[in-house]
Protein backbone atom coordinates (compact mmCIF):
# COMPACT_ATOMS: atom_id res chain seq x y z
CA MET A 1 63.63 63.61 76.95
CA ARG A 2 62.75 65.08 73.59
CA GLY A 3 59.55 64.42 71.66
CA GLU A 4 61.44 62.22 69.19
CA ASP A 5 63.01 60.02 71.91
CA LEU A 6 61.51 56.61 72.56
CA PHE A 7 60.99 55.20 76.07
CA ALA A 8 59.99 51.53 76.24
CA ARG A 9 59.85 48.62 78.67
CA VAL A 10 61.98 45.75 77.39
CA SER A 11 61.39 43.28 80.24
CA GLY A 12 60.28 43.09 83.87
CA CYS A 13 62.18 45.99 85.39
CA LYS A 14 64.31 47.00 82.39
CA PHE A 15 63.53 50.02 80.28
CA VAL A 16 65.29 51.61 77.34
CA VAL A 17 65.45 55.15 76.00
CA LEU A 18 66.42 55.53 72.35
CA ALA A 19 67.74 59.05 71.89
CA ARG A 20 68.99 59.72 68.40
CA GLY A 21 72.02 61.95 67.94
CA LEU A 22 73.29 62.00 71.53
CA SER A 23 76.94 61.42 72.37
CA LEU A 24 77.85 59.27 75.37
CA ARG A 25 78.41 62.47 77.36
CA ARG A 26 74.98 63.90 76.51
CA GLY A 27 73.38 60.49 77.03
CA SER A 28 74.95 60.32 80.48
CA LYS A 29 73.52 63.74 81.30
CA LEU A 30 70.07 62.56 80.18
CA THR A 31 70.25 59.45 82.36
CA GLU A 32 71.33 61.55 85.35
CA ARG A 33 68.31 63.82 84.87
CA ILE A 34 66.03 60.75 84.71
CA ARG A 35 67.69 59.24 87.79
CA LYS A 36 67.24 62.47 89.74
CA LEU A 37 63.59 62.89 88.67
CA VAL A 38 62.78 59.39 89.92
CA ALA A 39 64.78 59.76 93.16
CA ASP A 40 63.13 63.10 93.99
CA ARG A 41 59.57 61.80 93.51
CA ALA A 42 57.52 60.25 96.30
CA PHE A 43 55.30 57.34 95.25
CA GLU A 44 52.28 56.06 97.13
CA GLU A 45 50.57 52.67 97.23
CA ASN A 46 47.74 51.79 99.62
CA GLY A 47 48.42 54.88 101.70
CA VAL A 48 52.12 54.08 102.11
CA SER A 49 54.57 56.62 100.70
CA PHE A 50 57.94 55.43 99.38
CA GLN A 51 60.79 56.40 97.09
CA VAL A 52 62.64 54.38 94.48
CA SER A 53 65.95 54.66 92.70
CA VAL A 54 67.20 53.63 89.28
CA SER A 55 70.55 52.63 87.84
CA CYS A 56 71.28 53.78 84.30
CA GLY A 57 73.72 52.74 81.61
CA VAL A 58 74.49 54.43 78.30
CA ALA A 59 75.55 52.95 74.96
CA GLU A 60 76.35 54.76 71.74
CA LEU A 61 75.61 53.34 68.31
CA ALA A 62 79.16 54.01 67.09
CA GLU A 63 80.50 52.14 70.15
CA THR A 64 79.01 48.77 69.20
CA GLY A 65 81.10 47.94 66.16
CA ARG A 66 78.14 45.79 65.05
CA ASN A 67 76.14 48.36 63.09
CA GLY A 68 74.08 49.06 66.19
CA ALA A 69 72.40 45.70 66.69
CA GLY A 70 69.57 46.54 69.11
CA ALA A 71 70.17 43.68 71.55
CA HIS A 72 73.87 44.53 71.69
CA LEU A 73 73.15 48.18 72.48
CA VAL A 74 70.80 47.18 75.30
CA ALA A 75 73.46 44.78 76.66
CA LEU A 76 76.08 47.57 76.64
CA ALA A 77 73.75 49.92 78.49
CA ALA A 78 72.77 47.19 80.97
CA ALA A 79 76.44 46.57 81.73
CA GLY A 80 76.84 50.29 82.40
CA ALA A 81 73.86 50.24 84.75
CA LYS A 82 75.37 47.34 86.71
CA GLU A 83 78.58 49.34 87.12
CA ALA A 84 76.54 52.25 88.49
CA ILE A 85 75.14 50.21 91.36
């Protein structure tokens, strides 16, 4: 991620990255890097080590046809994440 990108929790286990100026292709590459970073990291809780995985979806502002309504962009990305599972 770049310094200008925004990472935020939108609900329970859903997060969003707003990355201005990325195409779908570049956004997909970013999500793959994030997915790999998480998958390659060992977490620990109460002395028990474990790993987690993430599913990522990507949406592009120009793809929405609705002037980039925020909720619609998140819904598009969420649908992409469900397809990745």
